[in-house]
Each structure stands twice: as C-alpha cells, then as structure tokens.
Amino acid sequence: MAKIQLKGIIKEVSPINTIGINNAKHQSMLLLVPGFVDSYGEKRAKDEFWRINVVGDKVDQFNLSAMNLIDTKADVVVYINSSLARKDGAVRHFLNANLASLELRKN
C-alpha cells in the first residue's frame, strides 16, 4: 500500500455512518488540492478533489465531526490502494484513499 502527502483545503465532511457486515464506522472528507501555479501566477494544472475515507476506530480518533473544518487548510497523509474489477468484458479501476494523519493549518 502506498502512502502520499496532500496539502489542500477541506471542502466537505460527511456524517458518520456504518458500512459492511461488521457495521464499521465510516466517514469521509473532500479535500481540494489546488492546481500548480507557476512563478508568473498562471495556473498550469487543474484543481484536484480527493475523497478521503476514515474507517473504524479512526473515526473516533480523528473526530472530524467535532470541529467546523470546512475551508480549513490541512496537510494529510493518505494510504492509497487500487484494484481492478472485470465484468462482462468491461474493466473498472478503483482507487481508495484512507486517512493516515491530519494536521490542520491556520488560515
């Protein structure tokens, strides 16, 4: 499993719900990673939006619902993994991003 660091702005935090057979807690946040701007102030890349999952005991650990995080700058470390699913000749690629650490920045 790979680990990456993203720097961005939290745009959304979902309510806590349960998923799977074991009814594990699940929450997600949407992180806006602004596109690259060159030294002349011209935007050279598109903005990215990352849906980052928080599952199980980490929901209580990060406690995202306890704070008003919308439009807060954050440095996050995310574990990512991917998989392929083949069905009826079609191939689908899935990418999962799970929160490993969160550091909030002052706006």
Foldseek 3Di string as FASTA:
>chain_A
DDKDKAKFAWADKADWFFDDPVRKIKIWTKTKGQADADPVRHGDDHIDIDIEMEIHPRCVVVVVVVDDRHRWIKMWMWDKDKDWDDDPRDIDIDMHTYTDDIDTDDD
